[in-house]
Amino acid sequence: MSNKKQWMEGELDWFDELSGNGFIRSKDNELFYVHKTAFEESPKKIAKSKSKKVKFKVYEDVSTKQVEKVTGL
């Protein structure tokens, strides 16, 4: 079983500050769940920015995809 990580770009599609949960939509139009702990800068700042563009790393194994290291562009 091999794990892989890849950098992707997309937009913060939706983020709820109270629950700390949201979604990122990749350039390929795929939705990824994201938790506030994956952000390297304030998710509130990104959510309020005009572009909402982000760079993020996707960790993928056999059963799941997880987002980590989210930063604004």
Foldseek 3Di string as FASTA:
>chain_A
DDKDKDKFKFAFPDADPVQQWGWTQTPVRDIAIAGNQQEPDGPVVLVPDPGRMWMWMWIDDDPDIYIHHIDHD
